[in-house]
Structure formats: C-alpha cells, structure tokens
Amino acid sequence: MTIVELCSIAAGLFSAAVSLWYIWSVLHGGRPKWVTWFIWGILDLIILAGMWRGGHVTNWQIISCSVFAWVTFILALKFGVPGWNRVDKACLIGAAVSIVLLWHYPAWALAMSLLATCVAAMPTYVSAWEDPTRENFAAWMLGVIPGALILCIVPWTFAAAAQPATFLVVNGTVPLIILVRRR
C-alpha cells in the first residue's frame, strides 16, 4: 500500500469520525438544515460517480462523506430545521444538470456538483449566522483536516484536488461564521 492510499484511508476515517461527532451533536441539540444535507447527499454521490466515471482519483473522504451525509439527512428530518428556499431549489437543479452531464462529460459533472455543493452550504451558513448554537463548531473545524490531508498527497489536477479543496472551504467557512457571529 502506498503513502497516498494510506493518507486517503486516514482522511476517510477522520472524516467518518468527524461525521460521527457531528451526528452526536445533532442527537444532543444541534439543529442542522435538513435540505442542505439532502442536497449534499445527492451531490456527494454525483461527485463520487463523476470521479469514478471519469477515471479520476477517488479518495476515501468522498466515500465517507457520501455515507454520512445521508445519515445526517435522516437525523435532520427529525431534529433539524425544515424548509426550502430558492437557493435549495437552484442546488437541486444543479444536481439534476450534473446527473445529465455525468454520463457524457464527467469532468463537467464534477465541476457542476462541486459548485452546487458550495451553493448548498448557503442555508447552513445562514442558519449558523442566525443561531451559532445550531452547528457544532469543533466538528466543522475538524472537518477541514481530511481535505487538507488529501490535498497534501494528491496530484494538483482538477480531478484529484477539486473535491477535497471544495470540502475544505465549505467545512472551514462554518466555524468562521460562528466565530464572527459570537463576537
């Protein structure tokens, strides 16, 4: 097993641990925006399929995120914040376009899904701004580590680096919002 494979597995395990911590926080009073997790679940699967279909590097972070996004979505249906808005609907349209692109243009599907992932984070950002206690600061902060770890080991190509870089930015933005809002 190469160092790249070991780091990918470590990033996936760390991502799973952070996800479990986040799930624990949902079970103990956290209130995630359920529609965000629904959209992220769809997009994570499209990103994973796009990476695989395009013959690109698939890392264990995206596999872990795909599984735990759906677990969090299911919990958010019971414990989270309900509602849809225009941003949510735009993300679903982006996901639908990504699915169509996936079969003919995997790189474009990956790009579209990653863009929609960033847009899908907006309701969570707004929710964290409105009430910073809804989100688990430590879990989101630790969520940047798997992306950073993957970025240290993968070749700097769009196919290999775009997903972990996007996840690093999305995960890192929530704690920044919480820190700013708490002041």
C-alpha atoms as a PDB file:
ATOM      1  CA  MET A   1       0.000   0.000   0.000  1.00  0.00           C
ATOM      2  CA  THR A   2       1.371   3.391  -0.991  1.00  0.00           C
ATOM      3  CA  ILE A   3       1.557   6.500   1.186  1.00  0.00           C
ATOM      4  CA  VAL A   4      -1.135   8.088  -0.975  1.00  0.00           C
ATOM      5  CA  GLU A   5      -3.508   5.185  -0.308  1.00  0.00           C
ATOM      6  CA  LEU A   6      -2.735   5.258   3.422  1.00  0.00           C
ATOM      7  CA  CYS A   7      -3.379   9.007   3.631  1.00  0.00           C
ATOM      8  CA  SER A   8      -6.606   8.611   1.673  1.00  0.00           C
ATOM      9  CA  ILE A   9      -7.806   5.932   4.089  1.00  0.00           C
ATOM     10  CA  ALA A  10      -6.742   8.083   7.054  1.00  0.00           C
ATOM     11  CA  ALA A  11      -8.678  11.039   5.620  1.00  0.00           C
ATOM     12  CA  GLY A  12     -11.737   8.838   5.155  1.00  0.00           C
ATOM     13  CA  LEU A  13     -11.535   7.521   8.714  1.00  0.00           C
ATOM     14  CA  PHE A  14     -11.000  11.003  10.107  1.00  0.00           C
ATOM     15  CA  SER A  15     -13.923  12.279   8.052  1.00  0.00           C
ATOM     16  CA  ALA A  16     -16.080   9.453   9.436  1.00  0.00           C
ATOM     17  CA  ALA A  17     -15.021  10.305  12.997  1.00  0.00           C
ATOM     18  CA  VAL A  18     -15.867  13.984  12.478  1.00  0.00           C
ATOM     19  CA  SER A  19     -19.209  12.985  10.941  1.00  0.00           C
ATOM     20  CA  LEU A  20     -19.997  10.788  13.934  1.00  0.00           C
ATOM     21  CA  TRP A  21     -19.136  13.688  16.244  1.00  0.00           C
ATOM     22  CA  TYR A  22     -21.456  15.938  14.236  1.00  0.00           C
ATOM     23  CA  ILE A  23     -24.205  13.308  14.379  1.00  0.00           C
ATOM     24  CA  TRP A  24     -23.733  13.105  18.160  1.00  0.00           C
ATOM     25  CA  SER A  25     -24.218  16.875  18.347  1.00  0.00           C
ATOM     26  CA  VAL A  26     -27.437  16.601  16.314  1.00  0.00           C
ATOM     27  CA  LEU A  27     -28.722  13.981  18.757  1.00  0.00           C
ATOM     28  CA  HIS A  28     -27.870  16.338  21.630  1.00  0.00           C
ATOM     29  CA  GLY A  29     -29.487  19.563  20.479  1.00  0.00           C
ATOM     30  CA  GLY A  30     -27.868  20.542  17.174  1.00  0.00           C
ATOM     31  CA  ARG A  31     -30.305  21.701  14.519  1.00  0.00           C
ATOM     32  CA  PRO A  32     -28.913  21.221  11.008  1.00  0.00           C
ATOM     33  CA  LYS A  33     -30.763  22.462   7.956  1.00  0.00           C
ATOM     34  CA  TRP A  34     -32.178  19.198   6.594  1.00  0.00           C
ATOM     35  CA  VAL A  35     -32.463  20.332   2.986  1.00  0.00           C
ATOM     36  CA  THR A  36     -28.736  21.111   2.900  1.00  0.00           C
ATOM     37  CA  TRP A  37     -27.900  17.569   3.964  1.00  0.00           C
ATOM     38  CA  PHE A  38     -30.344  16.123   1.419  1.00  0.00           C
ATOM     39  CA  ILE A  39     -28.700  18.123  -1.355  1.00  0.00           C
ATOM     40  CA  TRP A  40     -25.209  17.278  -0.099  1.00  0.00           C
ATOM     41  CA  GLY A  41     -26.126  13.587  -0.062  1.00  0.00           C
ATOM     42  CA  ILE A  42     -27.168  13.733  -3.710  1.00  0.00           C
ATOM     43  CA  LEU A  43     -24.178  15.834  -4.720  1.00  0.00           C
ATOM     44  CA  ASP A  44     -21.671  13.655  -2.857  1.00  0.00           C
ATOM     45  CA  LEU A  45     -22.923  10.632  -4.774  1.00  0.00           C
ATOM     46  CA  ILE A  46     -22.673  12.548  -8.065  1.00  0.00           C
ATOM     47  CA  ILE A  47     -19.148  13.719  -7.192  1.00  0.00           C
ATOM     48  CA  LEU A  48     -18.144  10.165  -6.296  1.00  0.00           C
ATOM     49  CA  ALA A  49     -19.668   8.822  -9.515  1.00  0.00           C
ATOM     50  CA  GLY A  50     -18.070  11.603 -11.558  1.00  0.00           C
ATOM     51  CA  MET A  51     -14.648  10.866 -10.097  1.00  0.00           C
ATOM     52  CA  TRP A  52     -15.075   7.161 -10.716  1.00  0.00           C
ATOM     53  CA  ARG A  53     -16.682   7.510 -14.162  1.00  0.00           C
ATOM     54  CA  GLY A  54     -14.006   9.899 -15.353  1.00  0.00           C
ATOM     55  CA  GLY A  55     -11.272   7.519 -14.253  1.00  0.00           C
ATOM     56  CA  HIS A  56     -10.041  10.086 -11.761  1.00  0.00           C
ATOM     57  CA  VAL A  57      -8.673   9.660  -8.290  1.00  0.00           C
ATOM     58  CA  THR A  58     -11.331   8.589  -5.825  1.00  0.00           C
ATOM     59  CA  ASN A  59     -10.461   9.185  -2.208  1.00  0.00           C
ATOM     60  CA  TRP A  60     -11.947   7.804   0.977  1.00  0.00           C
ATOM     61  CA  GLN A  61     -13.026  11.247   2.146  1.00  0.00           C
ATOM     62  CA  ILE A  62     -15.742  11.464  -0.507  1.00  0.00           C
ATOM     63  CA  ILE A  63     -16.849   7.899   0.196  1.00  0.00           C
ATOM     64  CA  SER A  64     -17.187   8.679   3.906  1.00  0.00           C
ATOM     65  CA  CYS A  65     -18.936  11.977   3.211  1.00  0.00           C
ATOM     66  CA  SER A  66     -21.394  10.265   0.863  1.00  0.00           C
ATOM     67  CA  VAL A  67     -22.461   7.801   3.550  1.00  0.00           C
ATOM     68  CA  PHE A  68     -22.640  10.242   6.441  1.00  0.00           C
ATOM     69  CA  ALA A  69     -24.447  12.978   4.516  1.00  0.00           C
ATOM     70  CA  TRP A  70     -27.394  10.585   4.186  1.00  0.00           C
ATOM     71  CA  VAL A  71     -27.226   9.573   7.853  1.00  0.00           C
ATOM     72  CA  THR A  72     -27.206  13.250   8.863  1.00  0.00           C
ATOM     73  CA  PHE A  73     -30.086  13.998   6.492  1.00  0.00           C
ATOM     74  CA  ILE A  74     -32.214  11.270   8.075  1.00  0.00           C
ATOM     75  CA  LEU A  75     -31.491  12.633  11.558  1.00  0.00           C
ATOM     76  CA  ALA A  76     -32.080  16.208  10.402  1.00  0.00           C
ATOM     77  CA  LEU A  77     -35.581  15.248   9.267  1.00  0.00           C
ATOM     78  CA  LYS A  78     -36.402  14.652  12.931  1.00  0.00           C
ATOM     79  CA  PHE A  79     -34.131  17.122  14.733  1.00  0.00           C
ATOM     80  CA  GLY A  80     -33.236  19.733  12.117  1.00  0.00           C
ATOM     81  CA  VAL A  81     -34.566  22.942  10.652  1.00  0.00           C
ATOM     82  CA  PRO A  82     -37.212  22.397   7.932  1.00  0.00           C
ATOM     83  CA  GLY A  83     -37.900  24.432   4.833  1.00  0.00           C
ATOM     84  CA  TRP A  84     -36.952  25.044   1.227  1.00  0.00           C
ATOM     85  CA  ASN A  85     -35.931  28.270  -0.441  1.00  0.00           C
ATOM     86  CA  ARG A  86     -34.725  29.450  -3.854  1.00  0.00           C
ATOM     87  CA  VAL A  87     -31.097  28.550  -3.117  1.00  0.00           C
ATOM     88  CA  ASP A  88     -32.139  24.987  -2.244  1.00  0.00           C
ATOM     89  CA  LYS A  89     -34.114  24.674  -5.464  1.00  0.00           C
ATOM     90  CA  ALA A  90     -31.201  26.059  -7.502  1.00  0.00           C
ATOM     91  CA  CYS A  91     -28.922  23.435  -5.949  1.00  0.00           C
ATOM     92  CA  LEU A  92     -31.338  20.679  -6.900  1.00  0.00           C
ATOM     93  CA  ILE A  93     -31.361  21.991 -10.466  1.00  0.00           C
ATOM     94  CA  GLY A  94     -27.546  21.958 -10.376  1.00  0.00           C
ATOM     95  CA  ALA A  95     -27.623  18.362  -9.154  1.00  0.00           C
ATOM     96  CA  ALA A  96     -30.023  17.399 -11.953  1.00  0.00           C
ATOM     97  CA  VAL A  97     -27.770  19.019 -14.569  1.00  0.00           C
ATOM     98  CA  SER A  98     -24.792  17.204 -13.023  1.00  0.00           C
ATOM     99  CA  ILE A  99     -26.559  13.862 -13.374  1.00  0.00           C
ATOM    100  CA  VAL A 100     -27.178  14.530 -17.073  1.00  0.00           C
ATOM    101  CA  LEU A 101     -23.560  15.645 -17.595  1.00  0.00           C
ATOM    102  CA  LEU A 102     -22.185  12.676 -15.672  1.00  0.00           C
ATOM    103  CA  TRP A 103     -22.697  10.174 -18.464  1.00  0.00           C
ATOM    104  CA  HIS A 104     -21.096  12.245 -21.221  1.00  0.00           C
ATOM    105  CA  TYR A 105     -18.857  14.794 -19.513  1.00  0.00           C
ATOM    106  CA  PRO A 106     -17.684  13.509 -16.107  1.00  0.00           C
ATOM    107  CA  ALA A 107     -15.311  16.460 -15.517  1.00  0.00           C
ATOM    108  CA  TRP A 108     -18.140  18.933 -16.120  1.00  0.00           C
ATOM    109  CA  ALA A 109     -20.426  16.919 -13.840  1.00  0.00           C
ATOM    110  CA  LEU A 110     -17.758  17.061 -11.151  1.00  0.00           C
ATOM    111  CA  ALA A 111     -17.381  20.836 -11.575  1.00  0.00           C
ATOM    112  CA  MET A 112     -21.143  21.433 -11.546  1.00  0.00           C
ATOM    113  CA  SER A 113     -21.607  19.228  -8.466  1.00  0.00           C
ATOM    114  CA  LEU A 114     -18.834  20.989  -6.579  1.00  0.00           C
ATOM    115  CA  LEU A 115     -20.305  24.380  -7.433  1.00  0.00           C
ATOM    116  CA  ALA A 116     -23.725  23.187  -6.279  1.00  0.00           C
ATOM    117  CA  THR A 117     -22.101  21.849  -3.088  1.00  0.00           C
ATOM    118  CA  CYS A 118     -20.825  25.345  -2.320  1.00  0.00           C
ATOM    119  CA  VAL A 119     -24.210  26.899  -3.050  1.00  0.00           C
ATOM    120  CA  ALA A 120     -25.969  24.204  -0.978  1.00  0.00           C
ATOM    121  CA  ALA A 121     -23.890  25.306   2.007  1.00  0.00           C
ATOM    122  CA  MET A 122     -25.553  28.729   1.974  1.00  0.00           C
ATOM    123  CA  PRO A 123     -28.583  27.676   4.082  1.00  0.00           C
ATOM    124  CA  THR A 124     -26.223  26.184   6.667  1.00  0.00           C
ATOM    125  CA  TYR A 125     -24.158  29.373   6.654  1.00  0.00           C
ATOM    126  CA  VAL A 126     -27.304  31.459   7.146  1.00  0.00           C
ATOM    127  CA  SER A 127     -28.513  29.111   9.883  1.00  0.00           C
ATOM    128  CA  ALA A 128     -25.135  29.332  11.671  1.00  0.00           C
ATOM    129  CA  TRP A 129     -25.274  33.123  11.381  1.00  0.00           C
ATOM    130  CA  GLU A 130     -28.797  33.319  12.771  1.00  0.00           C
ATOM    131  CA  ASP A 131     -28.039  30.950  15.665  1.00  0.00           C
ATOM    132  CA  PRO A 132     -24.423  29.807  16.093  1.00  0.00           C
ATOM    133  CA  THR A 133     -25.520  27.141  18.591  1.00  0.00           C
ATOM    134  CA  ARG A 134     -27.245  25.160  15.819  1.00  0.00           C
ATOM    135  CA  GLU A 135     -23.899  23.973  14.478  1.00  0.00           C
ATOM    136  CA  ASN A 136     -21.068  22.129  16.220  1.00  0.00           C
ATOM    137  CA  PHE A 137     -18.053  24.429  15.953  1.00  0.00           C
ATOM    138  CA  ALA A 138     -15.451  21.749  16.735  1.00  0.00           C
ATOM    139  CA  ALA A 139     -16.884  19.199  14.286  1.00  0.00           C
ATOM    140  CA  TRP A 140     -16.885  21.706  11.439  1.00  0.00           C
ATOM    141  CA  MET A 141     -13.400  22.919  12.353  1.00  0.00           C
ATOM    142  CA  LEU A 142     -12.023  19.381  12.439  1.00  0.00           C
ATOM    143  CA  GLY A 143     -13.764  18.757   9.120  1.00  0.00           C
ATOM    144  CA  VAL A 144     -11.071  20.774   7.351  1.00  0.00           C
ATOM    145  CA  ILE A 145      -8.393  18.209   8.247  1.00  0.00           C
ATOM    146  CA  PRO A 146      -9.402  15.426   5.798  1.00  0.00           C
ATOM    147  CA  GLY A 147      -9.490  17.880   2.889  1.00  0.00           C
ATOM    148  CA  ALA A 148      -6.124  19.323   3.870  1.00  0.00           C
ATOM    149  CA  LEU A 149      -4.661  15.827   4.216  1.00  0.00           C
ATOM    150  CA  ILE A 150      -5.918  14.766   0.790  1.00  0.00           C
ATOM    151  CA  LEU A 151      -4.603  17.986  -0.783  1.00  0.00           C
ATOM    152  CA  CYS A 152      -1.140  17.231   0.592  1.00  0.00           C
ATOM    153  CA  ILE A 153      -0.958  13.887  -1.202  1.00  0.00           C
ATOM    154  CA  VAL A 154      -2.902  14.089  -4.445  1.00  0.00           C
ATOM    155  CA  PRO A 155      -1.566  15.450  -7.704  1.00  0.00           C
ATOM    156  CA  TRP A 156      -2.692  19.017  -8.244  1.00  0.00           C
ATOM    157  CA  THR A 157      -5.084  18.300 -11.090  1.00  0.00           C
ATOM    158  CA  PHE A 158      -8.682  19.424 -11.184  1.00  0.00           C
ATOM    159  CA  ALA A 159      -9.981  15.867 -10.954  1.00  0.00           C
ATOM    160  CA  ALA A 160      -7.892  14.994  -7.921  1.00  0.00           C
ATOM    161  CA  ALA A 161      -7.792  18.271  -5.971  1.00  0.00           C
ATOM    162  CA  ALA A 162     -11.125  19.999  -6.640  1.00  0.00           C
ATOM    163  CA  GLN A 163     -13.253  17.838  -4.332  1.00  0.00           C
ATOM    164  CA  PRO A 164     -11.022  17.979  -1.223  1.00  0.00           C
ATOM    165  CA  ALA A 165     -10.365  21.703  -1.779  1.00  0.00           C
ATOM    166  CA  THR A 166     -14.081  22.414  -2.046  1.00  0.00           C
ATOM    167  CA  PHE A 167     -14.865  20.379   1.067  1.00  0.00           C
ATOM    168  CA  LEU A 168     -12.061  22.149   2.954  1.00  0.00           C
ATOM    169  CA  VAL A 169     -13.542  25.554   2.086  1.00  0.00           C
ATOM    170  CA  VAL A 170     -17.133  24.529   2.866  1.00  0.00           C
ATOM    171  CA  ASN A 171     -16.157  22.948   6.200  1.00  0.00           C
ATOM    172  CA  GLY A 172     -13.907  25.840   7.147  1.00  0.00           C
ATOM    173  CA  THR A 173     -16.500  28.529   6.460  1.00  0.00           C
ATOM    174  CA  VAL A 174     -18.969  27.364   9.135  1.00  0.00           C
ATOM    175  CA  PRO A 175     -16.562  27.827  12.077  1.00  0.00           C
ATOM    176  CA  LEU A 176     -15.525  31.210  10.693  1.00  0.00           C
ATOM    177  CA  ILE A 177     -19.159  32.311  10.664  1.00  0.00           C
ATOM    178  CA  ILE A 178     -19.638  31.013  14.205  1.00  0.00           C
ATOM    179  CA  LEU A 179     -16.547  32.877  15.433  1.00  0.00           C
ATOM    180  CA  VAL A 180     -17.611  36.150  13.769  1.00  0.00           C
ATOM    181  CA  ARG A 181     -21.191  35.820  14.995  1.00  0.00           C
ATOM    182  CA  ARG A 182     -20.222  35.048  18.580  1.00  0.00           C
ATOM    183  CA  ARG A 183     -18.384  38.380  18.742  1.00  0.00           C
END
